Amino acid sequence: MIKILQNGIKHDNGYTPCFYSMGNNTHHSDRCITIYARCYERLPAELGAIQNDTDTQTDYFDSDKVYLEPGDKYYTEALAAYNKRRLADSKRFLKHDEKRLQKELDSGCPYEATVRCLEESIANYKHIIASLSA
């Protein structure tokens, strides 16, 4: 049994902390979700073809990763976990950038480029939060 959560995967052998990305691989579709194991943990084999490019002879260590395409067995769960993680991160980053903007404005001599960049970032996070909350 596998349950994909926003911070990891719960499975028969325990829990594997993970993080997710979407559409950042040239060999897969834009809707492909990549699940990466954190801290060199092992992903459960039930997810599909696990990729790990570790080469101990050259001291190159890689974490497990798996690519899930639309239509794969765990894709829907992975998409929900990815969106939950993205929503939580966007809320956290929004709060941080709002504090930075206020601090910049309160400085008495705000740097215009920093203010503009923070305002764009805040607008972007608000857009992400609105789209994921709908």
N, C-alpha and C. Protein backbone atom coordinates (compact mmCIF):
# COMPACT_ATOMS: atom_id res chain seq x y z
N MET A 1 0.84 -1.19 0.00
CA MET A 1 0.00 0.00 0.00
C MET A 1 0.88 1.24 0.00
N ILE A 2 0.58 2.17 -0.88
CA ILE A 2 1.32 3.41 -0.97
C ILE A 2 0.35 4.58 -0.83
N LYS A 3 0.75 5.56 -0.01
CA LYS A 3 -0.02 6.79 0.12
C LYS A 3 0.95 7.95 -0.10
N ILE A 4 0.68 8.74 -1.13
CA ILE A 4 1.56 9.86 -1.47
C ILE A 4 1.06 11.12 -0.76
N LEU A 5 1.90 11.66 0.11
CA LEU A 5 1.58 12.83 0.91
C LEU A 5 2.39 14.03 0.41
N GLN A 6 2.09 15.22 0.92
CA GLN A 6 2.77 16.41 0.40
C GLN A 6 4.25 16.47 0.75
N ASN A 7 4.68 15.78 1.80
CA ASN A 7 6.10 15.79 2.18
C ASN A 7 6.79 14.45 2.02
N GLY A 8 6.08 13.46 1.53
CA GLY A 8 6.71 12.15 1.38
C GLY A 8 5.71 11.07 1.03
N ILE A 9 6.20 9.84 1.09
CA ILE A 9 5.40 8.68 0.72
C ILE A 9 5.36 7.70 1.87
N LYS A 10 4.13 7.35 2.26
CA LYS A 10 3.95 6.33 3.29
C LYS A 10 3.74 5.01 2.58
N HIS A 11 4.50 3.99 2.98
CA HIS A 11 4.41 2.69 2.32
C HIS A 11 4.57 1.58 3.36
N ASP A 12 4.48 0.34 2.91
CA ASP A 12 4.52 -0.82 3.81
C ASP A 12 5.79 -0.86 4.67
N ASN A 13 6.92 -0.41 4.11
CA ASN A 13 8.19 -0.45 4.83
C ASN A 13 8.48 0.80 5.63
N GLY A 14 7.52 1.72 5.73
CA GLY A 14 7.71 2.94 6.51
C GLY A 14 7.35 4.19 5.74
N TYR A 15 8.22 5.18 5.86
CA TYR A 15 7.97 6.49 5.28
C TYR A 15 9.23 6.98 4.58
N THR A 16 9.08 7.53 3.38
CA THR A 16 10.19 8.10 2.63
C THR A 16 9.91 9.57 2.40
N PRO A 17 10.72 10.47 2.98
CA PRO A 17 10.53 11.89 2.70
C PRO A 17 10.87 12.18 1.24
N CYS A 18 10.05 13.03 0.60
CA CYS A 18 10.22 13.31 -0.84
C CYS A 18 9.96 14.77 -1.15
N PHE A 19 10.36 15.17 -2.33
CA PHE A 19 9.91 16.42 -2.90
C PHE A 19 9.55 16.17 -4.36
N TYR A 20 8.77 17.08 -4.93
CA TYR A 20 8.18 16.87 -6.24
C TYR A 20 8.51 18.03 -7.17
N SER A 21 8.53 17.74 -8.46
CA SER A 21 8.60 18.79 -9.47
C SER A 21 7.73 18.35 -10.64
N MET A 22 7.37 19.34 -11.47
CA MET A 22 6.53 19.02 -12.61
C MET A 22 7.09 19.66 -13.88
N GLY A 23 7.18 18.87 -14.93
CA GLY A 23 7.48 19.38 -16.25
C GLY A 23 8.87 19.96 -16.45
N ASN A 24 9.85 19.52 -15.69
CA ASN A 24 11.20 20.08 -15.85
C ASN A 24 12.17 19.08 -16.45
N ASN A 25 11.65 18.14 -17.22
CA ASN A 25 12.49 17.10 -17.78
C ASN A 25 12.31 17.08 -19.29
N THR A 26 13.40 17.11 -20.02
CA THR A 26 13.32 17.17 -21.48
C THR A 26 12.86 15.87 -22.12
N HIS A 27 12.93 14.76 -21.39
CA HIS A 27 12.58 13.46 -21.94
C HIS A 27 11.15 13.04 -21.64
N HIS A 28 10.41 13.90 -20.93
CA HIS A 28 9.04 13.57 -20.54
C HIS A 28 8.12 14.75 -20.85
N SER A 29 6.83 14.55 -20.72
CA SER A 29 5.85 15.59 -21.05
C SER A 29 5.87 16.71 -20.01
N ASP A 30 5.21 17.81 -20.35
CA ASP A 30 5.11 18.95 -19.44
C ASP A 30 4.28 18.61 -18.20
N ARG A 31 3.44 17.61 -18.28
CA ARG A 31 2.58 17.22 -17.15
C ARG A 31 3.23 16.12 -16.30
N CYS A 32 4.43 15.71 -16.64
CA CYS A 32 5.14 14.66 -15.90
C CYS A 32 5.51 15.17 -14.51
N ILE A 33 5.25 14.36 -13.50
CA ILE A 33 5.65 14.68 -12.13
C ILE A 33 6.85 13.80 -11.77
N THR A 34 7.90 14.45 -11.29
CA THR A 34 9.08 13.73 -10.83
C THR A 34 9.06 13.71 -9.31
N ILE A 35 9.21 12.53 -8.73
CA ILE A 35 9.29 12.38 -7.28
C ILE A 35 10.74 12.06 -6.93
N TYR A 36 11.32 12.88 -6.07
CA TYR A 36 12.70 12.69 -5.64
C TYR A 36 12.71 12.28 -4.17
N ALA A 37 13.45 11.23 -3.84
CA ALA A 37 13.61 10.85 -2.44
C ALA A 37 14.61 11.80 -1.79
N ARG A 38 14.33 12.20 -0.56
CA ARG A 38 15.27 13.05 0.18
C ARG A 38 16.25 12.18 0.96
N CYS A 39 17.38 12.75 1.26
CA CYS A 39 18.37 12.15 2.18
C CYS A 39 18.80 10.74 1.75
N TYR A 40 18.86 10.49 0.47
CA TYR A 40 19.30 9.20 -0.07
C TYR A 40 18.44 8.03 0.40
N GLU A 41 17.18 8.32 0.74
CA GLU A 41 16.24 7.26 1.09
C GLU A 41 15.85 6.52 -0.18
N ARG A 42 15.21 5.36 -0.03
CA ARG A 42 14.79 4.55 -1.17
C ARG A 42 13.30 4.74 -1.42
N LEU A 43 12.93 4.90 -2.68
CA LEU A 43 11.52 4.96 -3.05
C LEU A 43 10.98 3.54 -3.19
N PRO A 44 9.71 3.33 -2.87
CA PRO A 44 9.13 1.99 -3.04
C PRO A 44 9.04 1.60 -4.51
N ALA A 45 9.40 0.39 -4.82
CA ALA A 45 9.44 -0.11 -6.20
C ALA A 45 8.06 -0.11 -6.86
N GLU A 46 6.99 -0.13 -6.06
CA GLU A 46 5.63 -0.16 -6.62
C GLU A 46 5.30 1.09 -7.43
N LEU A 47 6.06 2.18 -7.24
CA LEU A 47 5.79 3.43 -7.96
C LEU A 47 6.07 3.30 -9.45
N GLY A 48 7.00 2.45 -9.82
CA GLY A 48 7.35 2.29 -11.22
C GLY A 48 8.85 2.14 -11.39
N ALA A 49 9.36 2.58 -12.52
CA ALA A 49 10.79 2.44 -12.83
C ALA A 49 11.59 3.49 -12.05
N ILE A 50 12.22 3.06 -10.98
CA ILE A 50 13.02 3.94 -10.13
C ILE A 50 14.36 4.19 -10.83
N GLN A 51 14.77 5.44 -10.87
CA GLN A 51 16.05 5.79 -11.48
C GLN A 51 17.00 6.27 -10.38
N ASN A 52 18.21 5.75 -10.38
CA ASN A 52 19.25 6.17 -9.45
C ASN A 52 20.58 6.01 -10.16
N ASP A 53 21.26 7.12 -10.39
CA ASP A 53 22.51 7.11 -11.16
C ASP A 53 23.75 7.12 -10.28
N THR A 54 23.66 6.54 -9.10
CA THR A 54 24.81 6.49 -8.19
C THR A 54 25.95 5.70 -8.83
N ASP A 55 27.16 6.23 -8.69
CA ASP A 55 28.37 5.56 -9.16
C ASP A 55 29.39 5.62 -8.02
N THR A 56 29.52 4.53 -7.27
CA THR A 56 30.40 4.53 -6.09
C THR A 56 31.87 4.60 -6.47
N GLN A 57 32.23 4.22 -7.66
CA GLN A 57 33.63 4.29 -8.06
C GLN A 57 34.12 5.73 -8.20
N THR A 58 33.22 6.62 -8.56
CA THR A 58 33.60 8.03 -8.69
C THR A 58 33.07 8.88 -7.54
N ASP A 59 32.52 8.23 -6.52
CA ASP A 59 31.95 8.93 -5.36
C ASP A 59 30.81 9.87 -5.75
N TYR A 60 30.02 9.47 -6.76
CA TYR A 60 28.84 10.24 -7.16
C TYR A 60 27.63 9.52 -6.59
N PHE A 61 26.91 10.22 -5.72
CA PHE A 61 25.74 9.63 -5.10
C PHE A 61 24.50 10.39 -5.53
N ASP A 62 23.49 9.64 -5.93
CA ASP A 62 22.25 10.20 -6.44
C ASP A 62 21.10 9.64 -5.61
N SER A 63 20.05 10.43 -5.47
CA SER A 63 18.85 9.96 -4.79
C SER A 63 17.94 9.26 -5.79
N ASP A 64 17.09 8.38 -5.28
CA ASP A 64 16.09 7.74 -6.12
C ASP A 64 15.15 8.80 -6.69
N LYS A 65 14.69 8.56 -7.91
CA LYS A 65 13.64 9.40 -8.50
C LYS A 65 12.80 8.54 -9.43
N VAL A 66 11.57 8.96 -9.58
CA VAL A 66 10.66 8.26 -10.47
C VAL A 66 9.85 9.30 -11.23
N TYR A 67 9.56 9.01 -12.49
CA TYR A 67 8.77 9.90 -13.34
C TYR A 67 7.38 9.32 -13.50
N LEU A 68 6.37 10.13 -13.18
CA LEU A 68 4.98 9.69 -13.33
C LEU A 68 4.30 10.54 -14.40
N GLU A 69 3.80 9.88 -15.42
CA GLU A 69 3.10 10.54 -16.52
C GLU A 69 1.59 10.43 -16.28
N PRO A 70 0.80 11.34 -16.86
CA PRO A 70 -0.65 11.20 -16.77
C PRO A 70 -1.07 9.81 -17.24
N GLY A 71 -1.93 9.18 -16.49
CA GLY A 71 -2.36 7.81 -16.81
C GLY A 71 -1.65 6.77 -15.97
N ASP A 72 -0.52 7.10 -15.35
CA ASP A 72 0.15 6.16 -14.45
C ASP A 72 -0.70 5.95 -13.20
N LYS A 73 -0.51 4.82 -12.57
CA LYS A 73 -1.32 4.41 -11.43
C LYS A 73 -1.35 5.45 -10.30
N TYR A 74 -0.21 6.03 -9.97
CA TYR A 74 -0.12 6.95 -8.83
C TYR A 74 -0.07 8.42 -9.24
N TYR A 75 -0.33 8.71 -10.50
CA TYR A 75 -0.21 10.08 -10.99
C TYR A 75 -1.18 11.04 -10.28
N THR A 76 -2.42 10.65 -10.13
CA THR A 76 -3.43 11.53 -9.51
C THR A 76 -3.05 11.88 -8.08
N GLU A 77 -2.60 10.88 -7.31
CA GLU A 77 -2.16 11.12 -5.94
C GLU A 77 -0.93 12.03 -5.91
N ALA A 78 0.00 11.79 -6.82
CA ALA A 78 1.22 12.60 -6.88
C ALA A 78 0.89 14.04 -7.26
N LEU A 79 -0.04 14.24 -8.17
CA LEU A 79 -0.45 15.58 -8.58
C LEU A 79 -1.08 16.33 -7.40
N ALA A 80 -1.93 15.65 -6.64
CA ALA A 80 -2.55 16.27 -5.47
C ALA A 80 -1.48 16.65 -4.43
N ALA A 81 -0.52 15.77 -4.20
CA ALA A 81 0.55 16.06 -3.25
C ALA A 81 1.42 17.22 -3.73
N TYR A 82 1.73 17.22 -5.03
CA TYR A 82 2.51 18.32 -5.62
C TYR A 82 1.78 19.66 -5.43
N ASN A 83 0.48 19.68 -5.70
CA ASN A 83 -0.29 20.92 -5.56
C ASN A 83 -0.40 21.37 -4.10
N LYS A 84 -0.56 20.43 -3.18
CA LYS A 84 -0.60 20.79 -1.75
C LYS A 84 0.73 21.40 -1.31
N ARG A 85 1.82 20.78 -1.75
CA ARG A 85 3.15 21.28 -1.40
C ARG A 85 3.38 22.66 -2.00
N ARG A 86 2.96 22.82 -3.26
CA ARG A 86 3.13 24.11 -3.94
C ARG A 86 2.30 25.21 -3.28
N LEU A 87 1.09 24.87 -2.84
CA LEU A 87 0.24 25.83 -2.15
C LEU A 87 0.87 26.24 -0.81
N ALA A 88 1.33 25.27 -0.05
CA ALA A 88 1.95 25.57 1.25
C ALA A 88 3.21 26.42 1.07
N ASP A 89 4.03 26.07 0.09
CA ASP A 89 5.26 26.84 -0.16
C ASP A 89 4.92 28.26 -0.61
N SER A 90 3.92 28.41 -1.47
CA SER A 90 3.54 29.74 -1.97
C SER A 90 3.04 30.62 -0.84
N LYS A 91 2.28 30.06 0.08
CA LYS A 91 1.80 30.84 1.23
C LYS A 91 2.97 31.29 2.09
N ARG A 92 3.92 30.40 2.30
CA ARG A 92 5.10 30.72 3.12
C ARG A 92 5.96 31.78 2.43
N PHE A 93 6.20 31.63 1.14
CA PHE A 93 7.01 32.60 0.41
C PHE A 93 6.31 33.96 0.30
N LEU A 94 4.98 33.94 0.17
CA LEU A 94 4.22 35.19 0.11
C LEU A 94 4.40 35.97 1.40
N LYS A 95 4.24 35.29 2.53
CA LYS A 95 4.40 35.94 3.83
C LYS A 95 5.81 36.52 3.97
N HIS A 96 6.81 35.77 3.56
CA HIS A 96 8.20 36.22 3.64
C HIS A 96 8.44 37.45 2.77
N ASP A 97 7.95 37.43 1.54
CA ASP A 97 8.17 38.55 0.63
C ASP A 97 7.40 39.79 1.06
N GLU A 98 6.20 39.61 1.64
CA GLU A 98 5.45 40.76 2.15
C GLU A 98 6.22 41.43 3.29
N LYS A 99 6.82 40.64 4.16
CA LYS A 99 7.64 41.20 5.25
C LYS A 99 8.86 41.93 4.70
N ARG A 100 9.51 41.34 3.69
CA ARG A 100 10.68 41.98 3.08
C ARG A 100 10.30 43.30 2.40
N LEU A 101 9.16 43.31 1.73
CA LEU A 101 8.70 44.53 1.06
C LEU A 101 8.42 45.62 2.09
N GLN A 102 7.73 45.26 3.16
CA GLN A 102 7.42 46.24 4.19
C GLN A 102 8.70 46.79 4.82
N LYS A 103 9.65 45.93 5.06
CA LYS A 103 10.94 46.35 5.63
C LYS A 103 11.67 47.29 4.66
N GLU A 104 11.61 46.98 3.38
CA GLU A 104 12.26 47.83 2.37
C GLU A 104 11.59 49.20 2.32
N LEU A 105 10.24 49.21 2.36
CA LEU A 105 9.52 50.48 2.31
C LEU A 105 9.73 51.30 3.58
N ASP A 106 9.88 50.64 4.72
CA ASP A 106 10.09 51.33 5.99
C ASP A 106 11.51 51.85 6.15
N SER A 107 12.40 51.44 5.27
CA SER A 107 13.81 51.84 5.40
C SER A 107 14.03 53.33 5.15
N GLY A 108 13.05 54.00 4.55
CA GLY A 108 13.19 55.42 4.28
C GLY A 108 13.82 55.71 2.93
N CYS A 109 14.55 54.77 2.40
CA CYS A 109 15.20 54.94 1.10
C CYS A 109 15.13 53.62 0.35
N PRO A 110 13.89 53.22 -0.04
CA PRO A 110 13.75 51.91 -0.68
C PRO A 110 14.42 51.89 -2.06
N TYR A 111 15.03 50.74 -2.35
CA TYR A 111 15.66 50.54 -3.64
C TYR A 111 14.56 50.13 -4.61
N GLU A 112 14.38 50.92 -5.66
CA GLU A 112 13.26 50.76 -6.58
C GLU A 112 13.21 49.38 -7.24
N ALA A 113 14.34 48.86 -7.65
CA ALA A 113 14.38 47.55 -8.31
C ALA A 113 13.96 46.44 -7.35
N THR A 114 14.37 46.54 -6.10
CA THR A 114 13.99 45.54 -5.09
C THR A 114 12.50 45.58 -4.84
N VAL A 115 11.95 46.78 -4.71
CA VAL A 115 10.51 46.94 -4.47
C VAL A 115 9.72 46.35 -5.65
N ARG A 116 10.13 46.67 -6.88
CA ARG A 116 9.43 46.16 -8.06
C ARG A 116 9.50 44.64 -8.13
N CYS A 117 10.66 44.10 -7.85
CA CYS A 117 10.85 42.65 -7.88
C CYS A 117 9.98 41.97 -6.83
N LEU A 118 9.95 42.53 -5.62
CA LEU A 118 9.13 41.94 -4.55
C LEU A 118 7.64 42.05 -4.88
N GLU A 119 7.22 43.16 -5.45
CA GLU A 119 5.81 43.32 -5.82
C GLU A 119 5.41 42.30 -6.88
N GLU A 120 6.28 42.06 -7.86
CA GLU A 120 6.00 41.05 -8.88
C GLU A 120 5.94 39.66 -8.26
N SER A 121 6.85 39.38 -7.36
CA SER A 121 6.88 38.09 -6.69
C SER A 121 5.62 37.87 -5.86
N ILE A 122 5.19 38.91 -5.14
CA ILE A 122 3.98 38.82 -4.33
C ILE A 122 2.76 38.58 -5.22
N ALA A 123 2.67 39.29 -6.33
CA ALA A 123 1.55 39.10 -7.26
C ALA A 123 1.54 37.68 -7.81
N ASN A 124 2.72 37.15 -8.12
CA ASN A 124 2.83 35.78 -8.64
C ASN A 124 2.36 34.76 -7.59
N TYR A 125 2.80 34.92 -6.34
CA TYR A 125 2.38 33.99 -5.30
C TYR A 125 0.88 34.07 -5.05
N LYS A 126 0.32 35.26 -5.09
CA LYS A 126 -1.14 35.42 -4.91
C LYS A 126 -1.89 34.72 -6.04
N HIS A 127 -1.36 34.82 -7.26
CA HIS A 127 -1.99 34.15 -8.40
C HIS A 127 -1.93 32.61 -8.22
N ILE A 128 -0.80 32.09 -7.80
CA ILE A 128 -0.65 30.65 -7.58
C ILE A 128 -1.62 30.19 -6.50
N ILE A 129 -1.68 30.94 -5.40
CA ILE A 129 -2.58 30.57 -4.28
C ILE A 129 -4.04 30.58 -4.74
N ALA A 130 -4.42 31.60 -5.49
CA ALA A 130 -5.80 31.68 -5.98
C ALA A 130 -6.12 30.50 -6.91
N SER A 131 -5.19 30.17 -7.80
CA SER A 131 -5.46 29.08 -8.76
C SER A 131 -5.50 27.71 -8.07
N LEU A 132 -4.71 27.52 -7.04
CA LEU A 132 -4.69 26.22 -6.35
C LEU A 132 -5.81 26.11 -5.31
N SER A 133 -6.31 27.23 -4.83
CA SER A 133 -7.37 27.20 -3.82
C SER A 133 -8.75 27.05 -4.45
N ALA A 134 -8.85 27.31 -5.75
CA ALA A 134 -10.16 27.27 -6.43
C ALA A 134 -10.64 25.85 -6.60
